[in-house]
C-alpha atoms as a PDB file:
ATOM      1  CA  MET A   1      -0.074   0.422   0.208  1.00  0.00           C
ATOM      2  CA  ARG A   2       1.247   3.655  -1.323  1.00  0.00           C
ATOM      3  CA  LYS A   3       1.469   6.351   1.985  1.00  0.00           C
ATOM      4  CA  THR A   4       0.413   9.741   1.179  1.00  0.00           C
ATOM      5  CA  GLU A   5       2.425  12.060   2.656  1.00  0.00           C
ATOM      6  CA  PHE A   6       0.653  15.999   3.799  1.00  0.00           C
ATOM      7  CA  ARG A   7       2.802  18.845   3.539  1.00  0.00           C
ATOM      8  CA  SER A   8       1.646  22.234   5.446  1.00  0.00           C
ATOM      9  CA  SER A   9       1.804  24.899   3.169  1.00  0.00           C
ATOM     10  CA  GLU A  10       2.128  27.143   6.487  1.00  0.00           C
ATOM     11  CA  SER A  11       5.592  27.838   8.303  1.00  0.00           C
ATOM     12  CA  GLY A  12       5.804  29.574  12.119  1.00  0.00           C
ATOM     13  CA  PHE A  13       7.630  32.510  13.155  1.00  0.00           C
ATOM     14  CA  THR A  14      11.116  32.636  13.069  1.00  0.00           C
ATOM     15  CA  LEU A  15      12.910  33.474  16.739  1.00  0.00           C
ATOM     16  CA  ALA A  16      14.238  36.479  14.558  1.00  0.00           C
ATOM     17  CA  GLU A  17      11.033  37.681  13.972  1.00  0.00           C
ATOM     18  CA  LEU A  18       9.466  36.833  17.345  1.00  0.00           C
ATOM     19  CA  MET A  19      12.416  39.220  18.635  1.00  0.00           C
ATOM     20  CA  ILE A  20      11.798  42.049  16.598  1.00  0.00           C
ATOM     21  CA  ALA A  21       7.806  41.976  17.199  1.00  0.00           C
ATOM     22  CA  LEU A  22       8.541  41.768  20.667  1.00  0.00           C
ATOM     23  CA  THR A  23      10.838  44.842  20.458  1.00  0.00           C
ATOM     24  CA  VAL A  24       7.845  47.151  18.495  1.00  0.00           C
ATOM     25  CA  THR A  25       5.545  45.852  21.452  1.00  0.00           C
ATOM     26  CA  LEU A  26       7.937  47.100  23.743  1.00  0.00           C
ATOM     27  CA  VAL A  27       8.560  50.188  21.905  1.00  0.00           C
ATOM     28  CA  MET A  28       5.026  51.202  21.455  1.00  0.00           C
ATOM     29  CA  ALA A  29       3.908  50.727  25.205  1.00  0.00           C
ATOM     30  CA  SER A  30       6.914  52.561  26.145  1.00  0.00           C
ATOM     31  CA  LEU A  31       6.011  55.457  23.829  1.00  0.00           C
ATOM     32  CA  ALA A  32       2.466  55.284  25.337  1.00  0.00           C
ATOM     33  CA  SER A  33       3.409  55.476  28.312  1.00  0.00           C
ATOM     34  CA  ILE A  34       5.552  58.591  27.786  1.00  0.00           C
ATOM     35  CA  LEU A  35       2.265  60.223  26.517  1.00  0.00           C
ATOM     36  CA  MET A  36       0.442  59.465  29.482  1.00  0.00           C
ATOM     37  CA  ALA A  37       2.922  60.677  31.507  1.00  0.00           C
ATOM     38  CA  GLY A  38       2.916  63.892  29.675  1.00  0.00           C
ATOM     39  CA  SER A  39      -0.600  64.386  30.058  1.00  0.00           C
ATOM     40  CA  PHE A  40      -0.704  63.480  33.681  1.00  0.00           C
ATOM     41  CA  ASN A  41       2.358  66.234  34.124  1.00  0.00           C
ATOM     42  CA  ILE A  42      -0.042  69.018  32.335  1.00  0.00           C
ATOM     43  CA  ARG A  43      -2.744  68.407  34.534  1.00  0.00           C
ATOM     44  CA  ALA A  44      -0.568  68.610  37.666  1.00  0.00           C
ATOM     45  CA  ARG A  45       0.859  72.208  36.418  1.00  0.00           C
ATOM     46  CA  GLU A  46      -2.984  73.157  35.494  1.00  0.00           C
ATOM     47  CA  ASN A  47      -3.963  72.085  39.110  1.00  0.00           C
ATOM     48  CA  GLN A  48      -1.164  73.837  40.739  1.00  0.00           C
ATOM     49  CA  LYS A  49      -1.749  77.158  38.753  1.00  0.00           C
ATOM     50  CA  THR A  50      -5.492  76.953  39.576  1.00  0.00           C
ATOM     51  CA  GLU A  51      -4.795  76.245  43.676  1.00  0.00           C
ATOM     52  CA  ALA A  52      -1.947  79.176  43.760  1.00  0.00           C
ATOM     53  CA  LEU A  53      -4.350  81.888  41.733  1.00  0.00           C
ATOM     54  CA  ALA A  54      -7.343  80.502  43.897  1.00  0.00           C
ATOM     55  CA  ASP A  55      -4.759  81.206  47.403  1.00  0.00           C
ATOM     56  CA  THR A  56      -4.033  84.512  46.067  1.00  0.00           C
ATOM     57  CA  GLN A  57      -7.534  85.760  44.925  1.00  0.00           C
ATOM     58  CA  ARG A  58      -8.821  84.960  48.597  1.00  0.00           C
ATOM     59  CA  GLY A  59      -6.129  86.252  50.358  1.00  0.00           C
ATOM     60  CA  LEU A  60      -6.620  89.868  48.175  1.00  0.00           C
ATOM     61  CA  ASN A  61     -10.342  89.793  48.686  1.00  0.00           C
ATOM     62  CA  LEU A  62      -9.760  89.607  52.477  1.00  0.00           C
ATOM     63  CA  MET A  63      -7.071  92.212  52.202  1.00  0.00           C
ATOM     64  CA  THR A  64      -8.901  94.913  50.355  1.00  0.00           C
ATOM     65  CA  ARG A  65     -12.133  94.515  52.210  1.00  0.00           C
ATOM     66  CA  GLU A  66     -10.413  95.022  55.236  1.00  0.00           C
ATOM     67  CA  ILE A  67      -8.064  97.769  54.461  1.00  0.00           C
ATOM     68  CA  SER A  68     -11.407  99.610  52.433  1.00  0.00           C
ATOM     69  CA  ASN A  69     -12.814  99.509  56.148  1.00  0.00           C
ATOM     70  CA  ALA A  70      -9.322 101.543  57.419  1.00  0.00           C
ATOM     71  CA  GLY A  71     -10.133 105.029  58.948  1.00  0.00           C
ATOM     72  CA  TYR A  72     -13.624 104.227  59.923  1.00  0.00           C
ATOM     73  CA  GLY A  73     -14.653 105.726  62.742  1.00  0.00           C
ATOM     74  CA  LEU A  74     -11.420 107.514  63.293  1.00  0.00           C
ATOM     75  CA  THR A  75     -10.037 111.205  62.768  1.00  0.00           C
ATOM     76  CA  ASP A  76      -7.542 109.738  60.310  1.00  0.00           C
ATOM     77  CA  ASN A  77      -6.957 107.413  57.849  1.00  0.00           C
ATOM     78  CA  GLY A  78      -6.122 104.377  60.155  1.00  0.00           C
ATOM     79  CA  ILE A  79      -2.850 103.724  58.174  1.00  0.00           C
ATOM     80  CA  VAL A  80      -0.122 102.894  61.033  1.00  0.00           C
ATOM     81  CA  ALA A  81       2.836 104.414  59.571  1.00  0.00           C
ATOM     82  CA  ALA A  82       5.317 102.779  61.398  1.00  0.00           C
ATOM     83  CA  ASP A  83       4.228  99.462  60.755  1.00  0.00           C
ATOM     84  CA  SER A  84       3.457 100.165  57.063  1.00  0.00           C
ATOM     85  CA  GLY A  85       5.505 100.357  53.810  1.00  0.00           C
ATOM     86  CA  LEU A  86       6.447  98.416  50.764  1.00  0.00           C
ATOM     87  CA  SER A  87       5.789  94.822  51.805  1.00  0.00           C
ATOM     88  CA  SER A  88       3.315  94.886  55.029  1.00  0.00           C
ATOM     89  CA  ILE A  89       0.562  97.345  55.969  1.00  0.00           C
ATOM     90  CA  ARG A  90      -1.204  97.903  59.221  1.00  0.00           C
ATOM     91  CA  VAL A  91      -4.863  99.256  59.407  1.00  0.00           C
ATOM     92  CA  ARG A  92      -7.184 100.290  62.399  1.00  0.00           C
ATOM     93  CA  ALA A  93     -11.089 100.727  62.030  1.00  0.00           C
ATOM     94  CA  ASN A  94     -13.303 101.268  64.920  1.00  0.00           C
ATOM     95  CA  LEU A  95     -16.092  98.821  63.690  1.00  0.00           C
ATOM     96  CA  ASN A  96     -18.682  99.256  66.115  1.00  0.00           C
ATOM     97  CA  ALA A  97     -17.904 102.682  66.554  1.00  0.00           C
ATOM     98  CA  ALA A  98     -21.936 103.422  66.407  1.00  0.00           C
ATOM     99  CA  ALA A  99     -22.614 100.469  68.243  1.00  0.00           C
ATOM    100  CA  GLY A 100     -22.586 102.371  71.401  1.00  0.00           C
ATOM    101  CA  GLU A 101     -20.528  99.625  73.212  1.00  0.00           C
ATOM    102  CA  THR A 102     -18.044 100.065  75.999  1.00  0.00           C
ATOM    103  CA  THR A 103     -15.458  99.799  73.306  1.00  0.00           C
ATOM    104  CA  SER A 104     -17.067 101.874  70.253  1.00  0.00           C
ATOM    105  CA  SER A 105     -14.467 104.627  71.493  1.00  0.00           C
ATOM    106  CA  THR A 106     -11.416 102.671  70.969  1.00  0.00           C
ATOM    107  CA  THR A 107     -10.274 100.119  68.123  1.00  0.00           C
ATOM    108  CA  THR A 108      -9.517  97.123  70.805  1.00  0.00           C
ATOM    109  CA  ASP A 109     -12.264  94.696  69.479  1.00  0.00           C
ATOM    110  CA  ARG A 110     -11.164  91.515  67.622  1.00  0.00           C
ATOM    111  CA  ASP A 111     -10.398  92.905  63.495  1.00  0.00           C
ATOM    112  CA  GLU A 112     -10.148  96.508  64.321  1.00  0.00           C
ATOM    113  CA  ASP A 113      -6.203  96.573  64.484  1.00  0.00           C
ATOM    114  CA  VAL A 114      -5.131  94.257  61.631  1.00  0.00           C
ATOM    115  CA  LYS A 115      -1.768  93.684  59.790  1.00  0.00           C
ATOM    116  CA  TYR A 116      -0.656  92.223  56.647  1.00  0.00           C
ATOM    117  CA  LEU A 117       3.008  91.272  55.719  1.00  0.00           C
ATOM    118  CA  LEU A 118       4.970  88.846  53.629  1.00  0.00           C
ATOM    119  CA  TYR A 119       6.553  86.329  55.439  1.00  0.00           C
ATOM    120  CA  THR A 120       9.399  84.463  54.094  1.00  0.00           C
ATOM    121  CA  ASP A 121      11.585  80.846  55.307  1.00  0.00           C
ATOM    122  CA  SER A 122      13.794  79.007  53.831  1.00  0.00           C
ATOM    123  CA  ASP A 123      11.237  77.205  51.786  1.00  0.00           C
ATOM    124  CA  ASN A 124       8.469  79.668  50.967  1.00  0.00           C
ATOM    125  CA  SER A 125       6.868  83.048  51.366  1.00  0.00           C
ATOM    126  CA  TYR A 126       3.484  83.974  52.786  1.00  0.00           C
ATOM    127  CA  ILE A 127       1.123  86.446  52.977  1.00  0.00           C
ATOM    128  CA  VAL A 128      -0.391  86.527  56.914  1.00  0.00           C
ATOM    129  CA  ARG A 129      -2.704  88.583  58.493  1.00  0.00           C
ATOM    130  CA  ILE A 130      -2.275  89.260  62.522  1.00  0.00           C
ATOM    131  CA  ASP A 131      -4.725  90.410  64.260  1.00  0.00           C
ATOM    132  CA  VAL A 132      -3.078  92.800  66.639  1.00  0.00           C
ATOM    133  CA  ASN A 133      -5.964  92.821  69.493  1.00  0.00           C
ATOM    134  CA  SER A 134      -6.444  88.907  69.430  1.00  0.00           C
ATOM    135  CA  ALA A 135      -2.941  88.018  71.139  1.00  0.00           C
ATOM    136  CA  ALA A 136      -0.978  89.108  67.562  1.00  0.00           C
ATOM    137  CA  GLN A 137      -3.484  85.870  66.011  1.00  0.00           C
ATOM    138  CA  GLU A 138      -1.673  84.996  62.743  1.00  0.00           C
ATOM    139  CA  MET A 139      -3.138  83.567  59.676  1.00  0.00           C
ATOM    140  CA  VAL A 140      -1.859  82.727  56.522  1.00  0.00           C
ATOM    141  CA  LEU A 141      -4.282  83.832  53.477  1.00  0.00           C
ATOM    142  CA  ALA A 142      -1.796  82.468  50.655  1.00  0.00           C
ATOM    143  CA  ASN A 143       1.442  80.676  49.971  1.00  0.00           C
ATOM    144  CA  ARG A 144       3.573  79.948  46.844  1.00  0.00           C
ATOM    145  CA  VAL A 145       4.122  83.803  46.852  1.00  0.00           C
ATOM    146  CA  ASP A 146       6.851  85.287  45.060  1.00  0.00           C
ATOM    147  CA  ALA A 147       6.417  89.162  46.026  1.00  0.00           C
ATOM    148  CA  LEU A 148       4.001  91.501  47.444  1.00  0.00           C
ATOM    149  CA  LYS A 149       4.276  95.454  46.981  1.00  0.00           C
ATOM    150  CA  LEU A 150       2.026  97.965  48.425  1.00  0.00           C
ATOM    151  CA  ARG A 151       1.643 101.510  47.092  1.00  0.00           C
ATOM    152  CA  TYR A 152       0.368 104.728  48.658  1.00  0.00           C
ATOM    153  CA  TYR A 153      -1.142 107.360  46.813  1.00  0.00           C
ATOM    154  CA  ALA A 154      -2.915 110.493  47.922  1.00  0.00           C
ATOM    155  CA  ASP A 155      -5.553 110.192  44.549  1.00  0.00           C
ATOM    156  CA  LYS A 156      -6.491 107.582  42.501  1.00  0.00           C
ATOM    157  CA  VAL A 157      -3.804 107.216  39.376  1.00  0.00           C
ATOM    158  CA  THR A 158      -3.522 104.981  36.394  1.00  0.00           C
ATOM    159  CA  TYR A 159      -0.449 103.125  35.939  1.00  0.00           C
ATOM    160  CA  THR A 160       1.400 100.205  34.113  1.00  0.00           C
ATOM    161  CA  SER A 161       1.758  96.676  35.322  1.00  0.00           C
ATOM    162  CA  SER A 162       5.345  95.810  35.533  1.00  0.00           C
ATOM    163  CA  ASN A 163       7.046  92.379  37.517  1.00  0.00           C
ATOM    164  CA  CYS A 164       4.477  92.339  40.705  1.00  0.00           C
ATOM    165  CA  ASP A 165       5.071  96.259  41.030  1.00  0.00           C
ATOM    166  CA  ILE A 166       3.598  99.392  38.974  1.00  0.00           C
ATOM    167  CA  THR A 167       5.427 101.797  36.470  1.00  0.00           C
ATOM    168  CA  ASN A 168       4.804 104.770  34.564  1.00  0.00           C
ATOM    169  CA  VAL A 169       2.037 106.204  37.356  1.00  0.00           C
ATOM    170  CA  ARG A 170       0.023 109.243  36.487  1.00  0.00           C
ATOM    171  CA  ASP A 171      -2.885 111.447  37.863  1.00  0.00           C
ATOM    172  CA  SER A 172      -5.776 111.965  36.218  1.00  0.00           C
ATOM    173  CA  TYR A 173      -4.241 114.844  34.242  1.00  0.00           C
ATOM    174  CA  GLY A 174      -2.147 112.811  32.931  1.00  0.00           C
ATOM    175  CA  ASN A 175       1.105 113.989  34.830  1.00  0.00           C
ATOM    176  CA  PRO A 176       3.346 111.718  36.638  1.00  0.00           C
ATOM    177  CA  VAL A 177       2.824 111.153  40.199  1.00  0.00           C
ATOM    178  CA  GLY A 178       5.057 109.919  43.186  1.00  0.00           C
ATOM    179  CA  GLU A 179       3.702 107.782  46.478  1.00  0.00           C
ATOM    180  CA  VAL A 180       2.851 110.090  49.500  1.00  0.00           C
ATOM    181  CA  ALA A 181       5.725 111.131  51.886  1.00  0.00           C
ATOM    182  CA  GLN A 182       3.396 110.684  54.593  1.00  0.00           C
ATOM    183  CA  LYS A 183       1.485 107.186  55.325  1.00  0.00           C
ATOM    184  CA  SER A 184      -1.339 109.534  56.834  1.00  0.00           C
ATOM    185  CA  GLY A 185      -2.248 111.249  53.483  1.00  0.00           C
ATOM    186  CA  ALA A 186      -2.891 108.266  51.611  1.00  0.00           C
ATOM    187  CA  LYS A 187      -6.225 107.599  50.165  1.00  0.00           C
ATOM    188  CA  TYR A 188      -5.614 105.186  47.850  1.00  0.00           C
ATOM    189  CA  ILE A 189      -3.726 101.860  48.024  1.00  0.00           C
ATOM    190  CA  TYR A 190      -2.196  99.693  45.384  1.00  0.00           C
ATOM    191  CA  LEU A 191      -1.467  95.898  46.152  1.00  0.00           C
ATOM    192  CA  ARG A 192       0.157  93.289  43.611  1.00  0.00           C
ATOM    193  CA  TYR A 193       1.518  90.261  44.644  1.00  0.00           C
ATOM    194  CA  THR A 194       2.569  87.223  42.324  1.00  0.00           C
ATOM    195  CA  SER A 195       2.170  83.244  43.258  1.00  0.00           C
ATOM    196  CA  ARG A 196       5.379  80.798  43.301  1.00  0.00           C
ATOM    197  CA  ASN A 197       4.174  78.910  40.312  1.00  0.00           C
ATOM    198  CA  PHE A 198       6.853  78.298  38.265  1.00  0.00           C
ATOM    199  CA  ASN A 199       5.613  75.899  35.735  1.00  0.00           C
ATOM    200  CA  ALA A 200       2.860  78.211  35.191  1.00  0.00           C
ATOM    201  CA  ARG A 201       5.481  80.859  34.754  1.00  0.00           C
ATOM    202  CA  LEU A 202       7.558  78.861  32.079  1.00  0.00           C
ATOM    203  CA  ALA A 203       4.317  78.175  30.289  1.00  0.00           C
ATOM    204  CA  GLY A 204       3.437  81.875  29.870  1.00  0.00           C
ATOM    205  CA  LEU A 205       0.608  81.406  32.352  1.00  0.00           C
ATOM    206  CA  PRO A 206      -0.540  84.493  34.471  1.00  0.00           C
ATOM    207  CA  THR A 207       0.195  84.249  37.681  1.00  0.00           C
ATOM    208  CA  SER A 208      -0.301  87.791  39.437  1.00  0.00           C
ATOM    209  CA  VAL A 209      -2.964  89.294  41.194  1.00  0.00           C
ATOM    210  CA  ALA A 210      -3.717  93.274  41.596  1.00  0.00           C
ATOM    211  CA  SER A 211      -6.127  95.289  43.140  1.00  0.00           C
ATOM    212  CA  SER A 212      -6.672  98.921  44.203  1.00  0.00           C
ATOM    213  CA  VAL A 213      -8.393 100.034  47.297  1.00  0.00           C
ATOM    214  CA  GLY A 214      -9.993 103.370  48.167  1.00  0.00           C
ATOM    215  CA  ILE A 215      -9.790 104.376  51.910  1.00  0.00           C
END
């Protein structure tokens, strides 16, 4: 009896082909991992920017509200000149002046004598609020702060923003004007501070917050 042999037309992969396929798979997996890591880094930078700006905005809102109250119920503008300067300001207000209370003629109650300043340690800088009448109780309003600048003017001015400061300051007639010689003569306070957010800065994103306050 004659035996019939059957030969398959299909052949398997060689070892070299398997190695090439494995290498291509590993390369594609690595590229996918790099893309995912990049997307996570972008998200982290955006979250960092959002948090930093939220911190500074909350701090600015509280600062502007309390500074705008400076001098209420007093005979002066409420600014304590000895404790106020380029990176700090201390203001007083007799908030219960019309309440007819025992302390209505003084500024000794809570929130009636407050100071804001830029505090810097070895690793970070903070905007700090100090309630002088509450045993100098401190509260951090914002962290990741690069700089704080306060400018004092007798009238409302126009200006150009420049690196956490203001330049080209002019009065309503367009004339150059400087800050008041005495803090007691200030009626407008211009605040500007910048968040510490290096990734946002490198990406060209805004990290500064500014405001003007009339007192």
